[in-house]
Amino acid sequence: MDDKKALEIVNKIFLNIFDKENDYSLEELLEKFAFDVKLPKQVNDSTTNEITWADSINSNKFITNKNMEERDKTKGWMLERKEIHSLQELINIWNTINLTTTERVYDSINVAKSDTIYRCENIYRSTDCKNPKNIIYCDSCGNSEFLLASQRSGNCNFCIRTDDSRDCSNSYNVICSNKISNSLFIQDCFNLYECIFCSHITSKRFCIANMQFDEQEYYEIKKLIIEWILK
C-alpha cells in the first residue's frame, strides 16, 4: 500500500457517496475527515531507528514486529543469568528487552502505517481492524470495504465517518445507526434510504431534518449539501 493506492481508494469512496472525485491530499483528508479518529502514531524502532507505526505510544522504546521476529529466529530473547545487586539493576536489564512491538499485521496483504491488523487487504494508517478491505484512517472496523475515517463499525461499504454503526453504505457521517444507505448526517436511526440531517427515525426515504420531502426537491437540496461538505 502506498499513497497513490490510498488516494485511488478514497476516490472510489467519494464517487459512491458524493458522485464527485476526490481533490484532497492524504494530509488534507486526515485533517478534514479523520481529525478525531484514533490512529497509529509515528515512532522509531529503538534497535534500528527506522520509522514505524504504533497503536500505543505509552512506551518510549519500540521494535517492529518484523525485527522482533527476526531476533527471535537468530539470537533469541533469553539473556544469560547474572548476579543482581539492586532492584534498579534488575529494572535496567528489563529495559533492554522491554520493547513495544509495532506494525502488528497478521494474515494480511498490502498494509501501510498500521498496527493491530488481522486478515485485511489494502489498509492505510488504521488500527485494530479485522477482515476489512480498502480502508483509510479507520479504527476498530470489521467485515467492511471502502471506508474512510470510520470507527467501531462493521458490515459497511463506501462510507466516510461512520461511527458505531452497522450495515451502512454510500453514506457520510453516520453515528450509532443501522441499515443506512445513500444518506448524510444521520444519528440513532434505522433503515433509512436517501435521508439527510436525521435523528431517531426509522424506515424513511427522502427526509431532511426529520421532514418529508418529495424526491425531486430532496435531490436538489442534497446537491447543495454535498457542495457545502466539500468546500
C-alpha atoms as a PDB file:
ATOM      1  CA  MET A   1       0.000   0.000   0.000  1.00  0.00           C
ATOM      2  CA  ASP A   2       1.374   3.418  -0.953  1.00  0.00           C
ATOM      3  CA  ASP A   3      -0.037   6.942  -1.069  1.00  0.00           C
ATOM      4  CA  LYS A   4      -1.146   6.582  -4.693  1.00  0.00           C
ATOM      5  CA  LYS A   5      -3.145   3.423  -3.969  1.00  0.00           C
ATOM      6  CA  ALA A   6      -4.677   5.029  -0.876  1.00  0.00           C
ATOM      7  CA  LEU A   7      -5.878   8.002  -2.932  1.00  0.00           C
ATOM      8  CA  GLU A   8      -7.339   5.661  -5.560  1.00  0.00           C
ATOM      9  CA  ILE A   9      -9.404   4.005  -2.815  1.00  0.00           C
ATOM     10  CA  VAL A  10     -10.539   7.388  -1.480  1.00  0.00           C
ATOM     11  CA  ASN A  11     -11.570   8.454  -4.978  1.00  0.00           C
ATOM     12  CA  LYS A  12     -13.837   5.415  -5.333  1.00  0.00           C
ATOM     13  CA  ILE A  13     -15.421   6.231  -1.958  1.00  0.00           C
ATOM     14  CA  PHE A  14     -16.046   9.845  -2.994  1.00  0.00           C
ATOM     15  CA  LEU A  15     -17.641   8.797  -6.270  1.00  0.00           C
ATOM     16  CA  ASN A  16     -20.033   6.437  -4.487  1.00  0.00           C
ATOM     17  CA  ILE A  17     -21.059   8.923  -1.785  1.00  0.00           C
ATOM     18  CA  PHE A  18     -20.791  12.334  -3.429  1.00  0.00           C
ATOM     19  CA  ASP A  19     -20.733  11.467  -7.145  1.00  0.00           C
ATOM     20  CA  LYS A  20     -17.582  13.597  -7.284  1.00  0.00           C
ATOM     21  CA  GLU A  21     -13.884  12.810  -7.492  1.00  0.00           C
ATOM     22  CA  ASN A  22     -11.623  13.490  -4.530  1.00  0.00           C
ATOM     23  CA  ASP A  23      -9.464  16.619  -4.768  1.00  0.00           C
ATOM     24  CA  TYR A  24      -7.893  16.371  -1.308  1.00  0.00           C
ATOM     25  CA  SER A  25      -4.402  15.149  -0.467  1.00  0.00           C
ATOM     26  CA  LEU A  26      -3.980  12.455   2.189  1.00  0.00           C
ATOM     27  CA  GLU A  27      -2.907  15.111   4.692  1.00  0.00           C
ATOM     28  CA  GLU A  28      -5.997  17.203   3.911  1.00  0.00           C
ATOM     29  CA  LEU A  29      -8.246  14.143   4.208  1.00  0.00           C
ATOM     30  CA  LEU A  30      -6.733  13.409   7.614  1.00  0.00           C
ATOM     31  CA  GLU A  31      -7.364  16.950   8.817  1.00  0.00           C
ATOM     32  CA  LYS A  32     -10.872  17.301   7.374  1.00  0.00           C
ATOM     33  CA  PHE A  33     -12.375  13.858   7.973  1.00  0.00           C
ATOM     34  CA  ALA A  34     -10.207  11.817  10.383  1.00  0.00           C
ATOM     35  CA  PHE A  35      -9.252  14.536  12.850  1.00  0.00           C
ATOM     36  CA  ASP A  36     -10.790  12.676  15.827  1.00  0.00           C
ATOM     37  CA  VAL A  37     -10.078   9.064  14.830  1.00  0.00           C
ATOM     38  CA  LYS A  38      -7.599   7.118  16.973  1.00  0.00           C
ATOM     39  CA  LEU A  39      -4.814   6.238  14.541  1.00  0.00           C
ATOM     40  CA  PRO A  40      -1.319   4.734  14.789  1.00  0.00           C
ATOM     41  CA  LYS A  41       1.392   7.264  15.609  1.00  0.00           C
ATOM     42  CA  GLN A  42       4.808   7.528  14.022  1.00  0.00           C
ATOM     43  CA  VAL A  43       7.659   6.377  16.276  1.00  0.00           C
ATOM     44  CA  ASN A  44      11.150   4.942  15.776  1.00  0.00           C
ATOM     45  CA  ASP A  45      12.362   1.380  16.171  1.00  0.00           C
ATOM     46  CA  SER A  46      14.776   1.507  19.118  1.00  0.00           C
ATOM     47  CA  THR A  47      17.014  -1.155  17.573  1.00  0.00           C
ATOM     48  CA  THR A  48      17.373   0.292  14.063  1.00  0.00           C
ATOM     49  CA  ASN A  49      15.995   3.856  14.348  1.00  0.00           C
ATOM     50  CA  GLU A  50      13.738   3.198  11.354  1.00  0.00           C
ATOM     51  CA  ILE A  51      10.320   4.851  11.240  1.00  0.00           C
ATOM     52  CA  THR A  52       7.464   2.629  12.361  1.00  0.00           C
ATOM     53  CA  TRP A  53       3.831   2.975  13.446  1.00  0.00           C
ATOM     54  CA  ALA A  54       2.394   2.139  16.846  1.00  0.00           C
ATOM     55  CA  ASP A  55      -1.120   1.812  18.213  1.00  0.00           C
ATOM     56  CA  SER A  56       0.094   2.501  21.745  1.00  0.00           C
ATOM     57  CA  ILE A  57       2.795   5.101  22.393  1.00  0.00           C
ATOM     58  CA  ASN A  58       2.879   4.849  26.195  1.00  0.00           C
ATOM     59  CA  SER A  59       6.245   3.146  25.883  1.00  0.00           C
ATOM     60  CA  ASN A  60       9.331   5.052  24.786  1.00  0.00           C
ATOM     61  CA  LYS A  61      11.051   2.024  23.264  1.00  0.00           C
ATOM     62  CA  PHE A  62       9.726   0.207  20.208  1.00  0.00           C
ATOM     63  CA  ILE A  63      10.561  -2.581  17.793  1.00  0.00           C
ATOM     64  CA  THR A  64       8.774  -3.539  14.592  1.00  0.00           C
ATOM     65  CA  ASN A  65       7.038  -6.882  14.523  1.00  0.00           C
ATOM     66  CA  LYS A  66       9.355  -7.889  11.678  1.00  0.00           C
ATOM     67  CA  ASN A  67      12.517  -7.046  13.646  1.00  0.00           C
ATOM     68  CA  MET A  68      11.160  -8.723  16.771  1.00  0.00           C
ATOM     69  CA  GLU A  69      10.546 -11.955  14.850  1.00  0.00           C
ATOM     70  CA  GLU A  70      13.964 -11.731  13.179  1.00  0.00           C
ATOM     71  CA  ARG A  71      15.731 -11.544  16.546  1.00  0.00           C
ATOM     72  CA  ASP A  72      13.602 -14.425  17.817  1.00  0.00           C
ATOM     73  CA  LYS A  73      14.874 -16.554  14.908  1.00  0.00           C
ATOM     74  CA  THR A  74      18.541 -15.537  15.268  1.00  0.00           C
ATOM     75  CA  LYS A  75      19.891 -14.688  18.728  1.00  0.00           C
ATOM     76  CA  GLY A  76      16.632 -15.086  20.606  1.00  0.00           C
ATOM     77  CA  TRP A  77      15.356 -13.067  23.567  1.00  0.00           C
ATOM     78  CA  MET A  78      16.709 -15.049  26.528  1.00  0.00           C
ATOM     79  CA  LEU A  79      19.598 -13.471  28.467  1.00  0.00           C
ATOM     80  CA  GLU A  80      22.413 -15.080  30.384  1.00  0.00           C
ATOM     81  CA  ARG A  81      21.727 -15.152  34.110  1.00  0.00           C
ATOM     82  CA  LYS A  82      23.852 -12.749  36.163  1.00  0.00           C
ATOM     83  CA  GLU A  83      24.136 -11.691  39.764  1.00  0.00           C
ATOM     84  CA  ILE A  84      21.718  -8.890  40.630  1.00  0.00           C
ATOM     85  CA  HIS A  85      22.725  -6.460  43.372  1.00  0.00           C
ATOM     86  CA  SER A  86      19.812  -3.999  43.318  1.00  0.00           C
ATOM     87  CA  LEU A  87      16.282  -3.555  42.080  1.00  0.00           C
ATOM     88  CA  GLN A  88      17.465  -0.741  39.809  1.00  0.00           C
ATOM     89  CA  GLU A  89      19.970  -3.063  38.182  1.00  0.00           C
ATOM     90  CA  LEU A  90      17.187  -5.583  37.530  1.00  0.00           C
ATOM     91  CA  ILE A  91      14.963  -2.875  36.030  1.00  0.00           C
ATOM     92  CA  ASN A  92      17.830  -1.706  33.805  1.00  0.00           C
ATOM     93  CA  ILE A  93      18.206  -5.221  32.418  1.00  0.00           C
ATOM     94  CA  TRP A  94      14.457  -5.472  31.878  1.00  0.00           C
ATOM     95  CA  ASN A  95      14.514  -2.215  29.923  1.00  0.00           C
ATOM     96  CA  THR A  96      16.923  -3.718  27.401  1.00  0.00           C
ATOM     97  CA  ILE A  97      14.331  -6.247  26.293  1.00  0.00           C
ATOM     98  CA  ASN A  98      11.060  -4.482  27.158  1.00  0.00           C
ATOM     99  CA  LEU A  99      10.301  -3.116  23.682  1.00  0.00           C
ATOM    100  CA  THR A 100       6.749  -2.396  22.480  1.00  0.00           C
ATOM    101  CA  THR A 101       6.050  -4.249  19.243  1.00  0.00           C
ATOM    102  CA  THR A 102       4.742  -2.122  16.373  1.00  0.00           C
ATOM    103  CA  GLU A 103       3.104  -2.732  12.989  1.00  0.00           C
ATOM    104  CA  ARG A 104       1.490  -5.948  14.179  1.00  0.00           C
ATOM    105  CA  VAL A 105      -0.038  -7.201  10.938  1.00  0.00           C
ATOM    106  CA  TYR A 106      -1.327 -10.767  10.693  1.00  0.00           C
ATOM    107  CA  ASP A 107      -2.618 -12.754   7.704  1.00  0.00           C
ATOM    108  CA  SER A 108      -2.944  -9.521   5.722  1.00  0.00           C
ATOM    109  CA  ILE A 109      -1.621  -8.029   2.488  1.00  0.00           C
ATOM    110  CA  ASN A 110      -0.824  -4.532   1.281  1.00  0.00           C
ATOM    111  CA  VAL A 111      -0.846  -2.770   4.662  1.00  0.00           C
ATOM    112  CA  ALA A 112       0.954   0.512   5.438  1.00  0.00           C
ATOM    113  CA  LYS A 113       1.444   2.673   8.545  1.00  0.00           C
ATOM    114  CA  SER A 114      -0.926   0.482  10.576  1.00  0.00           C
ATOM    115  CA  ASP A 115      -0.928  -1.572  13.772  1.00  0.00           C
ATOM    116  CA  THR A 116      -3.010  -4.498  15.057  1.00  0.00           C
ATOM    117  CA  ILE A 117      -4.420  -5.565  11.698  1.00  0.00           C
ATOM    118  CA  TYR A 118      -5.944  -9.010  11.143  1.00  0.00           C
ATOM    119  CA  ARG A 119      -6.924 -10.716   7.855  1.00  0.00           C
ATOM    120  CA  CYS A 120      -7.066  -7.462   5.904  1.00  0.00           C
ATOM    121  CA  GLU A 121      -6.228  -6.177   2.451  1.00  0.00           C
ATOM    122  CA  ASN A 122      -5.310  -2.679   1.253  1.00  0.00           C
ATOM    123  CA  ILE A 123      -5.115  -0.874   4.596  1.00  0.00           C
ATOM    124  CA  TYR A 124      -3.631   2.586   5.150  1.00  0.00           C
ATOM    125  CA  ARG A 125      -2.878   4.070   8.576  1.00  0.00           C
ATOM    126  CA  SER A 126      -5.537   2.211  10.500  1.00  0.00           C
ATOM    127  CA  THR A 127      -5.712   0.232  13.723  1.00  0.00           C
ATOM    128  CA  ASP A 128      -7.500  -2.688  15.374  1.00  0.00           C
ATOM    129  CA  CYS A 129      -9.283  -3.826  12.203  1.00  0.00           C
ATOM    130  CA  LYS A 130     -10.415  -7.343  11.337  1.00  0.00           C
ATOM    131  CA  ASN A 131     -11.427  -8.639   7.890  1.00  0.00           C
ATOM    132  CA  PRO A 132     -11.902  -5.341   6.008  1.00  0.00           C
ATOM    133  CA  LYS A 133     -10.590  -4.302   2.591  1.00  0.00           C
ATOM    134  CA  ASN A 134      -9.685  -0.905   1.212  1.00  0.00           C
ATOM    135  CA  ILE A 135      -9.840   1.243   4.324  1.00  0.00           C
ATOM    136  CA  ILE A 136      -8.079   4.517   5.114  1.00  0.00           C
ATOM    137  CA  TYR A 137      -7.714   6.204   8.528  1.00  0.00           C
ATOM    138  CA  CYS A 138     -10.025   3.793  10.391  1.00  0.00           C
ATOM    139  CA  ASP A 139     -10.201   2.404  13.920  1.00  0.00           C
ATOM    140  CA  SER A 140     -11.848  -0.855  15.017  1.00  0.00           C
ATOM    141  CA  CYS A 141     -13.739  -1.625  11.810  1.00  0.00           C
ATOM    142  CA  GLY A 142     -14.501  -5.100  10.530  1.00  0.00           C
ATOM    143  CA  ASN A 143     -16.035  -7.005   7.623  1.00  0.00           C
ATOM    144  CA  SER A 144     -16.242  -3.825   5.567  1.00  0.00           C
ATOM    145  CA  GLU A 145     -14.912  -2.362   2.332  1.00  0.00           C
ATOM    146  CA  PHE A 146     -14.015   1.141   1.159  1.00  0.00           C
ATOM    147  CA  LEU A 147     -14.174   3.072   4.424  1.00  0.00           C
ATOM    148  CA  LEU A 148     -12.580   6.410   5.264  1.00  0.00           C
ATOM    149  CA  ALA A 149     -12.251   7.920   8.744  1.00  0.00           C
ATOM    150  CA  SER A 150     -14.648   5.455  10.387  1.00  0.00           C
ATOM    151  CA  GLN A 151     -14.681   3.952  13.884  1.00  0.00           C
ATOM    152  CA  ARG A 152     -16.112   0.881  15.605  1.00  0.00           C
ATOM    153  CA  SER A 153     -18.318  -0.115  12.674  1.00  0.00           C
ATOM    154  CA  GLY A 154     -18.986  -3.335  10.797  1.00  0.00           C
ATOM    155  CA  ASN A 155     -20.514  -4.607   7.560  1.00  0.00           C
ATOM    156  CA  CYS A 156     -20.288  -1.152   5.996  1.00  0.00           C
ATOM    157  CA  ASN A 157     -19.278  -0.239   2.458  1.00  0.00           C
ATOM    158  CA  PHE A 158     -18.338   3.049   0.807  1.00  0.00           C
ATOM    159  CA  CYS A 159     -18.713   5.224   3.910  1.00  0.00           C
ATOM    160  CA  ILE A 160     -16.949   8.220   5.420  1.00  0.00           C
ATOM    161  CA  ARG A 161     -17.124   9.000   9.156  1.00  0.00           C
ATOM    162  CA  THR A 162     -19.323   6.060  10.061  1.00  0.00           C
ATOM    163  CA  ASP A 163     -19.116   5.551  13.830  1.00  0.00           C
ATOM    164  CA  ASP A 164     -20.611   2.783  15.989  1.00  0.00           C
ATOM    165  CA  SER A 165     -22.821   1.622  13.117  1.00  0.00           C
ATOM    166  CA  ARG A 166     -23.569  -1.466  11.038  1.00  0.00           C
ATOM    167  CA  ASP A 167     -24.856  -2.342   7.578  1.00  0.00           C
ATOM    168  CA  CYS A 168     -24.370   1.111   6.106  1.00  0.00           C
ATOM    169  CA  SER A 169     -23.463   2.010   2.536  1.00  0.00           C
ATOM    170  CA  ASN A 170     -22.738   5.056   0.376  1.00  0.00           C
ATOM    171  CA  SER A 171     -23.152   7.361   3.359  1.00  0.00           C
ATOM    172  CA  TYR A 172     -21.387  10.180   5.185  1.00  0.00           C
ATOM    173  CA  ASN A 173     -21.303  10.970   8.902  1.00  0.00           C
ATOM    174  CA  VAL A 174     -23.449   8.179  10.339  1.00  0.00           C
ATOM    175  CA  ILE A 175     -23.491   7.678  14.125  1.00  0.00           C
ATOM    176  CA  CYS A 176     -24.955   4.796  16.136  1.00  0.00           C
ATOM    177  CA  SER A 177     -27.238   3.642  13.299  1.00  0.00           C
ATOM    178  CA  ASN A 178     -28.110   0.521  11.322  1.00  0.00           C
ATOM    179  CA  LYS A 179     -29.149  -0.147   7.719  1.00  0.00           C
ATOM    180  CA  ILE A 180     -28.429   3.332   6.385  1.00  0.00           C
ATOM    181  CA  SER A 181     -27.802   3.912   2.689  1.00  0.00           C
ATOM    182  CA  ASN A 182     -27.144   6.907   0.443  1.00  0.00           C
ATOM    183  CA  SER A 183     -27.513   9.281   3.385  1.00  0.00           C
ATOM    184  CA  LEU A 184     -25.676  12.168   5.059  1.00  0.00           C
ATOM    185  CA  PHE A 185     -25.509  13.243   8.718  1.00  0.00           C
ATOM    186  CA  ILE A 186     -27.541  10.511  10.416  1.00  0.00           C
ATOM    187  CA  GLN A 187     -27.688   9.710  14.135  1.00  0.00           C
ATOM    188  CA  ASP A 188     -29.501   6.952  16.030  1.00  0.00           C
ATOM    189  CA  CYS A 189     -31.600   5.804  13.062  1.00  0.00           C
ATOM    190  CA  PHE A 190     -32.616   2.532  11.458  1.00  0.00           C
ATOM    191  CA  ASN A 191     -33.418   1.593   7.872  1.00  0.00           C
ATOM    192  CA  LEU A 192     -33.056   4.924   6.057  1.00  0.00           C
ATOM    193  CA  TYR A 193     -32.527   5.480   2.356  1.00  0.00           C
ATOM    194  CA  GLU A 194     -31.627   8.891   0.940  1.00  0.00           C
ATOM    195  CA  CYS A 195     -32.029  10.929   4.117  1.00  0.00           C
ATOM    196  CA  ILE A 196     -30.062  13.924   5.440  1.00  0.00           C
ATOM    197  CA  PHE A 197     -29.714  15.568   8.876  1.00  0.00           C
ATOM    198  CA  CYS A 198     -31.976  12.973  10.506  1.00  0.00           C
ATOM    199  CA  SER A 199     -32.047  11.580  14.036  1.00  0.00           C
ATOM    200  CA  HIS A 200     -34.090   8.949  15.930  1.00  0.00           C
ATOM    201  CA  ILE A 201     -36.310   7.874  12.993  1.00  0.00           C
ATOM    202  CA  THR A 202     -36.961   4.542  11.298  1.00  0.00           C
ATOM    203  CA  SER A 203     -37.845   3.298   7.813  1.00  0.00           C
ATOM    204  CA  LYS A 204     -37.894   6.601   5.917  1.00  0.00           C
ATOM    205  CA  ARG A 205     -36.914   7.857   2.472  1.00  0.00           C
ATOM    206  CA  PHE A 206     -36.200  11.380   1.224  1.00  0.00           C
ATOM    207  CA  CYS A 207     -36.294  13.039   4.639  1.00  0.00           C
ATOM    208  CA  ILE A 208     -34.247  16.094   5.615  1.00  0.00           C
ATOM    209  CA  ALA A 209     -34.054  17.187   9.252  1.00  0.00           C
ATOM    210  CA  ASN A 210     -36.808  14.640  10.019  1.00  0.00           C
ATOM    211  CA  MET A 211     -39.141  16.312   7.499  1.00  0.00           C
ATOM    212  CA  GLN A 212     -40.568  14.536   4.467  1.00  0.00           C
ATOM    213  CA  PHE A 213     -39.663  15.921   1.025  1.00  0.00           C
ATOM    214  CA  ASP A 214     -40.639  14.869  -2.457  1.00  0.00           C
ATOM    215  CA  GLU A 215     -37.905  13.100  -4.380  1.00  0.00           C
ATOM    216  CA  GLN A 216     -37.031  15.891  -6.822  1.00  0.00           C
ATOM    217  CA  GLU A 217     -36.760  18.584  -4.155  1.00  0.00           C
ATOM    218  CA  TYR A 218     -34.737  16.246  -1.951  1.00  0.00           C
ATOM    219  CA  TYR A 219     -32.077  15.703  -4.621  1.00  0.00           C
ATOM    220  CA  GLU A 220     -31.840  19.422  -5.308  1.00  0.00           C
ATOM    221  CA  ILE A 221     -31.117  20.086  -1.640  1.00  0.00           C
ATOM    222  CA  LYS A 222     -28.730  17.141  -1.403  1.00  0.00           C
ATOM    223  CA  LYS A 223     -26.617  18.590  -4.201  1.00  0.00           C
ATOM    224  CA  LEU A 224     -26.229  21.846  -2.265  1.00  0.00           C
ATOM    225  CA  ILE A 225     -25.299  19.999   0.932  1.00  0.00           C
ATOM    226  CA  ILE A 226     -22.619  17.968  -0.849  1.00  0.00           C
ATOM    227  CA  GLU A 227     -21.119  21.173  -2.236  1.00  0.00           C
ATOM    228  CA  TRP A 228     -21.093  22.557   1.324  1.00  0.00           C
ATOM    229  CA  ILE A 229     -19.387  19.432   2.700  1.00  0.00           C
ATOM    230  CA  LEU A 230     -16.634  19.545   0.079  1.00  0.00           C
ATOM    231  CA  LYS A 231     -15.855  23.242   0.345  1.00  0.00           C
END
